[in-house]
Amino acid sequence: MNHDLRMLRELGESRMPPADQPPAELRRRVLASALSARGGRARPPRRLVGARPAWRFAAVGATAAAVTAAMLVGQIGHLGESAPAPARAGATPEAARILQLAAYQVTAAPAPAARPDQFVFVESVDSILHIGDLEPAKDPDRRHLATAKLVSQLTRRWLSVDGTKDDFARYLPWRSSPAPVEQPVPSGGCRDGREVIDPGKPDVTKACTPKPSVRADLPTDAEAMLRYLYRPGDDGAGPGYSPDQKAFDRANNIIEQTLSAPAVQAAVFRAVAQVPGVTVSPGTVDAAGRRGIAVGRTGGSFRFELIFDATTHKYLGSNAAVLDLAKFFIIRGMKPTDPSSQTAILRVAIVDRAGQLP
């Protein structure tokens, strides 16, 4: 899927047992060693500027090692179906209808005009799963091995239109959530084929190619977009994913990267309507607490969803869930179908400089 999943899979494949369940002794050793250790508080991962969140875990305490290890052992090698669904079977009729209405909605207003020297401003709420040790005094029978809850933050990103200026991100508290660890985060632009590696060391650079936030290389036609979604290559997903799941994941990537390009987004929505296995989940809530309707697909142990307003069909954001996390861990405060990661898009605008609010 993304870089994180690829690293997880590479380690998981090296330990994959022949059955769906990890060996009992290995699972016991992993959990026992993690629960007996008492390390320092881990810093939650920062969302990369311009990158989509996919699903993320913020490790709190030693139990996170157990969570990651058991997921590696038992799950990563079984991400995708063994064979792709029949070609052009398409989404369910209700899912296809919602996606077509979303395509009409996103093109109702003209695309915002953007000069090469400007920035795309994106304000979102990102929720990350925090997993922590459960104090023995609160669970003397050790029936629960960990606690889990979603912790949200407000993210503001400024993305260079032509990719030559420094992107910028700011992470703020959301409602009653604690202040995030990191605040202003710059990311180097690509100027004259060179990118600054460390803002504190402007003379240290590396070769680069500009990555514009307003892309002109993506299809705006549904059939061309469908071919683009099904293009060869793993894109970090690895061979475990079916072609249909890769296509849906790529669609999610493109949506996050083209929030200021309605024609591209409309093409994505219409193309996803032709992806087999896409279904509807009514009554879904996004990271900002807005209730909508989700169109999603399940691949192996994961379900990824695109959320739309149930009335206007405006795109709201995305959810991801690890469907059988409880198969390996007894986690207090989390059901198997609960989201493990969420993103809610609040505002998208064009501004003149990084740090400027619309």
Protein backbone atom coordinates (compact mmCIF):
# COMPACT_ATOMS: atom_id res chain seq x y z
CA MET A 1 0.00 0.00 0.00
CA ASN A 2 2.32 2.72 1.10
CA HIS A 3 5.87 2.73 2.41
CA ASP A 4 4.79 1.71 5.92
CA LEU A 5 2.81 -1.26 4.68
CA ARG A 6 5.66 -2.35 2.43
CA MET A 7 8.07 -2.41 5.39
CA LEU A 8 5.54 -4.32 7.48
CA ARG A 9 5.01 -6.84 4.72
CA GLU A 10 8.72 -7.46 4.16
CA LEU A 11 9.18 -8.31 7.82
CA GLY A 12 5.94 -10.26 7.99
CA GLU A 13 6.79 -12.45 5.01
CA SER A 14 9.98 -13.56 6.67
CA ARG A 15 7.94 -14.95 9.58
CA MET A 16 4.73 -16.01 7.88
CA PRO A 17 3.38 -19.31 9.26
CA PRO A 18 1.58 -21.74 6.96
CA ALA A 19 -1.80 -21.09 8.60
CA ASP A 20 -3.76 -17.90 9.13
CA GLN A 21 -2.89 -17.83 12.82
CA PRO A 22 0.68 -17.15 13.98
CA PRO A 23 2.39 -19.93 15.92
CA ALA A 24 1.11 -19.85 19.49
CA GLU A 25 4.58 -19.89 21.01
CA LEU A 26 5.78 -17.01 18.84
CA ARG A 27 2.68 -14.96 19.65
CA ARG A 28 3.15 -15.68 23.37
CA ARG A 29 6.83 -14.64 23.28
CA VAL A 30 6.10 -11.42 21.39
CA LEU A 31 3.32 -10.37 23.71
CA ALA A 32 5.12 -11.41 26.90
CA SER A 33 8.33 -9.58 26.02
CA ALA A 34 6.47 -6.44 25.01
CA LEU A 35 4.28 -6.36 28.09
CA SER A 36 7.22 -6.91 30.42
CA ALA A 37 9.23 -4.07 28.92
CA ARG A 38 8.63 -0.50 30.05
CA GLY A 39 10.10 1.86 27.52
CA GLY A 40 9.65 5.62 27.21
CA ARG A 41 6.69 7.24 25.54
CA ALA A 42 7.03 7.01 21.79
CA ARG A 43 6.50 10.06 19.68
CA PRO A 44 3.50 9.75 17.38
CA PRO A 45 4.32 9.74 13.69
CA ARG A 46 4.01 13.04 11.86
CA ARG A 47 1.93 13.11 8.74
CA LEU A 48 4.20 13.81 5.80
CA VAL A 49 3.45 17.03 4.00
CA GLY A 50 1.48 16.24 0.88
CA ALA A 51 1.21 12.54 1.71
CA ARG A 52 -2.03 10.73 2.46
CA PRO A 53 -2.42 9.16 5.87
CA ALA A 54 -3.52 5.68 4.85
CA TRP A 55 -3.75 3.83 8.18
CA ARG A 56 -1.45 4.76 11.02
CA PHE A 57 -0.75 3.60 14.56
CA ALA A 58 0.79 5.90 17.16
CA ALA A 59 2.67 3.72 19.62
CA VAL A 60 2.31 4.57 23.31
CA GLY A 61 4.35 2.37 25.63
CA ALA A 62 5.69 -1.10 25.02
CA THR A 63 2.48 -2.81 23.95
CA ALA A 64 2.71 -1.14 20.54
CA ALA A 65 5.60 -3.46 19.74
CA ALA A 66 3.32 -6.41 20.37
CA VAL A 67 0.56 -4.93 18.24
CA THR A 68 2.90 -4.34 15.32
CA ALA A 69 4.69 -7.68 15.66
CA ALA A 70 1.58 -9.82 15.78
CA MET A 71 0.04 -7.96 12.85
CA LEU A 72 3.23 -8.63 10.92
CA VAL A 73 3.28 -12.30 11.77
CA GLY A 74 -0.34 -13.05 11.15
CA GLN A 75 -1.73 -10.55 8.71
CA ILE A 76 0.55 -8.77 6.30
CA GLY A 77 1.06 -11.77 4.08
CA HIS A 78 -2.71 -12.11 3.60
CA LEU A 79 -3.60 -8.59 2.53
CA GLY A 80 -5.30 -9.30 -0.75
CA GLU A 81 -7.65 -11.84 -2.26
CA SER A 82 -6.16 -14.84 -4.03
CA ALA A 83 -7.72 -13.90 -7.36
CA PRO A 84 -9.15 -10.66 -8.79
CA ALA A 85 -12.88 -10.20 -9.12
CA PRO A 86 -14.41 -10.54 -12.62
CA ALA A 87 -13.39 -7.68 -14.86
CA ARG A 88 -15.87 -4.79 -15.15
CA ALA A 89 -18.34 -6.29 -12.68
CA GLY A 90 -18.35 -2.89 -11.04
CA ALA A 91 -19.43 -1.55 -7.68
CA THR A 92 -22.82 -2.35 -6.21
CA PRO A 93 -25.63 -0.28 -7.77
CA GLU A 94 -26.00 1.89 -4.66
CA ALA A 95 -22.25 2.53 -4.45
CA ALA A 96 -22.13 3.40 -8.16
CA ARG A 97 -25.05 5.82 -7.74
CA ILE A 98 -23.34 7.63 -4.85
CA LEU A 99 -20.07 7.89 -6.77
CA GLN A 100 -21.80 9.27 -9.86
CA LEU A 101 -23.62 11.87 -7.74
CA ALA A 102 -20.30 12.77 -6.09
CA ALA A 103 -18.79 13.30 -9.53
CA TYR A 104 -21.60 15.67 -10.46
CA GLN A 105 -21.25 17.51 -7.16
CA VAL A 106 -17.51 18.09 -7.40
CA THR A 107 -17.78 19.59 -10.89
CA ALA A 108 -20.71 21.88 -10.02
CA ALA A 109 -18.31 24.71 -9.16
CA PRO A 110 -15.39 25.82 -11.38
CA ALA A 111 -11.89 24.75 -10.49
CA PRO A 112 -9.99 27.33 -8.43
CA ALA A 113 -7.46 29.24 -10.47
CA ALA A 114 -3.89 28.88 -9.23
CA ARG A 115 -0.66 30.54 -10.31
CA PRO A 116 2.57 28.51 -10.23
CA ASP A 117 3.93 30.63 -7.35
CA GLN A 118 0.89 30.07 -5.09
CA PHE A 119 -0.03 27.35 -2.58
CA VAL A 120 -2.88 24.91 -2.15
CA PHE A 121 -4.16 25.23 1.41
CA VAL A 122 -5.71 22.09 2.91
CA GLU A 123 -7.22 22.01 6.39
CA SER A 124 -8.12 18.59 7.76
CA VAL A 125 -8.76 16.64 10.92
CA ASP A 126 -6.54 13.57 11.20
CA SER A 127 -7.25 10.85 13.73
CA ILE A 128 -4.50 8.41 14.63
CA LEU A 129 -4.88 5.25 16.71
CA HIS A 130 -2.93 5.39 19.96
CA ILE A 131 -2.22 2.00 21.53
CA GLY A 132 -0.94 1.80 25.10
CA ASP A 133 -0.24 -0.63 27.92
CA LEU A 134 -3.12 -1.46 30.23
CA GLU A 135 -2.13 -1.02 33.86
CA PRO A 136 -2.35 -4.38 35.70
CA ALA A 137 -4.23 -2.76 38.58
CA LYS A 138 -7.07 -1.88 36.21
CA ASP A 139 -7.25 -5.37 34.75
CA PRO A 140 -5.92 -7.90 37.31
CA ASP A 141 -7.06 -10.90 35.26
CA ARG A 142 -5.08 -9.63 32.23
CA ARG A 143 -8.02 -10.23 29.96
CA HIS A 144 -7.14 -7.07 28.05
CA LEU A 145 -3.62 -6.66 26.73
CA ALA A 146 -3.82 -3.02 25.66
CA THR A 147 -5.90 0.11 25.39
CA ALA A 148 -6.68 1.87 22.14
CA LYS A 149 -8.32 5.14 21.18
CA LEU A 150 -8.33 7.55 18.28
CA VAL A 151 -6.55 10.84 18.99
CA SER A 152 -7.31 13.70 16.62
CA GLN A 153 -5.39 16.76 15.52
CA LEU A 154 -6.11 19.68 13.22
CA THR A 155 -3.70 19.72 10.28
CA ARG A 156 -3.08 22.73 8.06
CA ARG A 157 -0.95 22.18 4.97
CA TRP A 158 0.35 24.60 2.39
CA LEU A 159 1.46 22.79 -0.76
CA SER A 160 3.44 24.52 -3.51
CA VAL A 161 1.43 24.69 -6.72
CA ASP A 162 4.43 24.06 -8.98
CA GLY A 163 6.51 22.15 -6.45
CA THR A 164 9.41 24.62 -6.40
CA LYS A 165 8.58 26.34 -3.12
CA ASP A 166 8.81 24.86 0.37
CA ASP A 167 5.66 23.09 1.52
CA PHE A 168 4.60 23.80 5.07
CA ALA A 169 2.41 22.12 7.68
CA ARG A 170 1.12 23.08 11.10
CA TYR A 171 -0.38 20.64 13.63
CA LEU A 172 -2.87 21.97 16.19
CA PRO A 173 -5.17 20.54 18.86
CA TRP A 174 -8.63 19.49 17.74
CA ARG A 175 -11.42 20.13 20.25
CA SER A 176 -10.46 18.39 23.50
CA SER A 177 -7.47 16.54 22.09
CA PRO A 178 -4.02 17.20 23.59
CA ALA A 179 -1.61 19.41 21.71
CA PRO A 180 0.36 17.39 19.12
CA VAL A 181 4.06 16.86 19.57
CA GLU A 182 5.09 18.75 16.45
CA GLN A 183 4.14 22.22 15.32
CA PRO A 184 5.38 24.02 12.16
CA VAL A 185 6.96 21.53 9.75
CA PRO A 186 8.60 22.77 6.52
CA SER A 187 9.32 20.51 3.57
CA GLY A 188 11.81 21.52 0.91
CA GLY A 189 10.72 22.44 -2.59
CA CYS A 190 12.66 21.46 -5.69
CA ARG A 191 14.46 24.47 -7.20
CA ASP A 192 16.85 24.14 -10.12
CA GLY A 193 16.88 20.38 -9.67
CA ARG A 194 18.04 20.52 -6.02
CA GLU A 195 16.15 20.11 -2.74
CA VAL A 196 17.35 21.18 0.72
CA ILE A 197 17.47 18.12 2.98
CA ASP A 198 17.53 19.94 6.33
CA PRO A 199 16.06 23.48 6.70
CA GLY A 200 18.80 24.17 9.26
CA LYS A 201 21.48 23.31 6.70
CA PRO A 202 20.53 25.12 3.49
CA ASP A 203 23.78 24.15 1.79
CA VAL A 204 23.08 20.41 2.06
CA THR A 205 20.93 19.40 -0.92
CA LYS A 206 20.00 16.43 -3.05
CA ALA A 207 18.84 15.97 -6.63
CA CYS A 208 15.08 16.19 -7.10
CA THR A 209 12.19 16.58 -9.50
CA PRO A 210 9.43 19.09 -8.65
CA LYS A 211 6.22 17.52 -7.35
CA PRO A 212 3.48 20.06 -8.02
CA SER A 213 0.39 19.99 -5.85
CA VAL A 214 -1.72 20.92 -8.88
CA ARG A 215 -1.05 18.05 -11.26
CA ALA A 216 -1.59 18.26 -14.99
CA ASP A 217 -0.60 14.64 -15.73
CA LEU A 218 -3.73 12.85 -14.51
CA PRO A 219 -6.70 11.78 -16.63
CA THR A 220 -9.97 13.68 -16.49
CA ASP A 221 -11.87 11.02 -18.44
CA ALA A 222 -13.40 8.12 -16.50
CA GLU A 223 -12.23 5.37 -18.86
CA ALA A 224 -8.69 6.75 -18.99
CA MET A 225 -8.69 7.08 -15.20
CA LEU A 226 -9.85 3.47 -14.85
CA ARG A 227 -6.91 2.33 -16.99
CA TYR A 228 -4.60 4.49 -14.87
CA LEU A 229 -5.90 2.92 -11.67
CA TYR A 230 -5.29 -0.58 -13.08
CA ARG A 231 -1.84 0.18 -14.50
CA PRO A 232 0.90 -2.40 -13.83
CA GLY A 233 3.06 -2.09 -10.73
CA ASP A 234 2.61 -2.52 -7.02
CA ASP A 235 3.06 1.10 -5.89
CA GLY A 236 4.18 -0.18 -2.50
CA ALA A 237 1.19 -2.50 -2.13
CA GLY A 238 3.11 -5.63 -3.05
CA PRO A 239 1.87 -8.73 -4.85
CA GLY A 240 -0.52 -9.63 -2.01
CA TYR A 241 -3.13 -7.11 -3.16
CA SER A 242 -5.60 -7.98 -5.89
CA PRO A 243 -5.73 -5.63 -8.92
CA ASP A 244 -9.11 -4.35 -7.74
CA GLN A 245 -7.80 -3.46 -4.28
CA LYS A 246 -4.76 -1.74 -5.79
CA ALA A 247 -7.09 0.29 -8.00
CA PHE A 248 -9.21 1.40 -5.05
CA ASP A 249 -6.13 2.30 -3.01
CA ARG A 250 -4.70 4.31 -5.91
CA ALA A 251 -8.00 6.15 -6.20
CA ASN A 252 -7.76 7.16 -2.54
CA ASN A 253 -4.22 8.40 -3.16
CA ILE A 254 -5.26 10.50 -6.14
CA ILE A 255 -8.19 12.07 -4.29
CA GLU A 256 -5.87 13.24 -1.51
CA GLN A 257 -3.45 14.66 -4.07
CA THR A 258 -6.03 16.48 -6.22
CA LEU A 259 -8.33 18.25 -3.78
CA SER A 260 -8.08 21.40 -5.91
CA ALA A 261 -8.71 19.58 -9.23
CA PRO A 262 -12.44 18.79 -9.51
CA ALA A 263 -12.22 17.32 -13.02
CA VAL A 264 -9.67 14.75 -11.87
CA GLN A 265 -11.70 13.91 -8.78
CA ALA A 266 -14.85 13.44 -10.85
CA ALA A 267 -12.96 11.04 -13.11
CA VAL A 268 -11.78 9.10 -10.05
CA PHE A 269 -15.30 8.79 -8.64
CA ARG A 270 -16.68 7.57 -11.98
CA ALA A 271 -13.81 5.12 -12.37
CA VAL A 272 -14.24 3.70 -8.86
CA ALA A 273 -17.88 3.00 -9.73
CA GLN A 274 -16.49 0.37 -12.12
CA VAL A 275 -14.24 -1.35 -9.55
CA PRO A 276 -15.64 -4.70 -8.35
CA GLY A 277 -16.23 -5.21 -4.65
CA VAL A 278 -17.01 -1.57 -3.80
CA THR A 279 -19.93 -1.37 -1.37
CA VAL A 280 -21.82 1.16 0.77
CA SER A 281 -21.68 1.70 4.53
CA PRO A 282 -24.45 4.10 5.67
CA GLY A 283 -24.23 6.16 8.83
CA THR A 284 -20.44 6.53 8.76
CA VAL A 285 -18.84 9.29 10.85
CA ASP A 286 -15.69 11.08 9.74
CA ALA A 287 -12.83 12.41 11.87
CA ALA A 288 -14.60 15.75 12.34
CA GLY A 289 -17.75 14.07 13.65
CA ARG A 290 -19.75 14.65 10.48
CA ARG A 291 -22.17 11.87 9.63
CA GLY A 292 -22.22 10.69 6.04
CA ILE A 293 -22.34 7.67 3.79
CA ALA A 294 -19.22 5.69 2.92
CA VAL A 295 -18.22 3.88 -0.24
CA GLY A 296 -15.49 1.38 0.49
CA ARG A 297 -13.74 -1.85 -0.31
CA THR A 298 -12.39 -4.66 1.84
CA GLY A 299 -9.09 -6.28 0.90
CA GLY A 300 -7.83 -9.01 3.17
CA SER A 301 -7.80 -7.63 6.71
CA PHE A 302 -8.35 -3.99 5.81
CA ARG A 303 -11.28 -1.84 4.75
CA PHE A 304 -10.78 1.58 3.23
CA GLU A 305 -13.68 3.99 2.79
CA LEU A 306 -14.40 7.26 1.01
CA ILE A 307 -16.99 9.30 2.92
CA PHE A 308 -19.56 11.60 1.32
CA ASP A 309 -22.27 13.87 2.64
CA ALA A 310 -25.47 11.84 2.45
CA THR A 311 -27.46 14.78 1.06
CA THR A 312 -25.10 16.80 -1.14
CA HIS A 313 -22.64 13.96 -1.89
CA LYS A 314 -19.70 16.27 -1.24
CA TYR A 315 -16.50 14.38 -0.48
CA LEU A 316 -15.78 14.57 3.28
CA GLY A 317 -12.75 12.37 3.84
CA SER A 318 -11.65 8.79 4.40
CA ASN A 319 -11.61 6.05 7.03
CA ALA A 320 -9.48 2.93 7.34
CA ALA A 321 -9.99 -0.07 9.61
CA VAL A 322 -8.09 -3.23 10.49
CA LEU A 323 -10.99 -5.65 10.51
CA ASP A 324 -9.61 -8.40 12.71
CA LEU A 325 -7.26 -6.60 15.05
CA ALA A 326 -9.06 -8.27 17.95
CA LYS A 327 -8.17 -11.66 16.44
CA PHE A 328 -4.67 -11.16 17.82
CA PHE A 329 -5.20 -8.63 20.62
CA ILE A 330 -7.79 -8.14 23.30
CA ILE A 331 -7.89 -4.36 23.26
CA ARG A 332 -10.08 -2.39 25.61
CA GLY A 333 -11.98 0.43 23.94
CA MET A 334 -11.86 -0.90 20.37
CA LYS A 335 -14.07 -3.20 18.29
CA PRO A 336 -12.66 -5.01 15.24
CA THR A 337 -14.53 -2.75 12.79
CA ASP A 338 -13.66 0.55 14.50
CA PRO A 339 -11.52 2.94 12.38
CA SER A 340 -7.79 2.78 12.92
CA SER A 341 -7.21 5.97 10.93
CA GLN A 342 -9.40 8.84 9.72
CA THR A 343 -9.03 12.03 7.70
CA ALA A 344 -11.74 14.69 7.34
CA ILE A 345 -11.22 17.48 4.80
CA LEU A 346 -12.51 20.81 6.14
CA ARG A 347 -11.23 23.45 3.73
CA VAL A 348 -9.35 23.66 0.43
CA ALA A 349 -8.27 26.99 -1.04
CA ILE A 350 -5.57 28.75 -3.05
CA VAL A 351 -3.39 31.23 -1.13
CA ASP A 352 -0.38 33.37 -1.96
CA ARG A 353 2.08 32.22 0.68
CA ALA A 354 2.77 29.42 3.14
CA GLY A 355 1.13 30.09 6.50
CA GLN A 356 -1.62 32.29 5.03
CA LEU A 357 -5.21 31.40 5.89
CA PRO A 358 -7.97 31.88 3.30
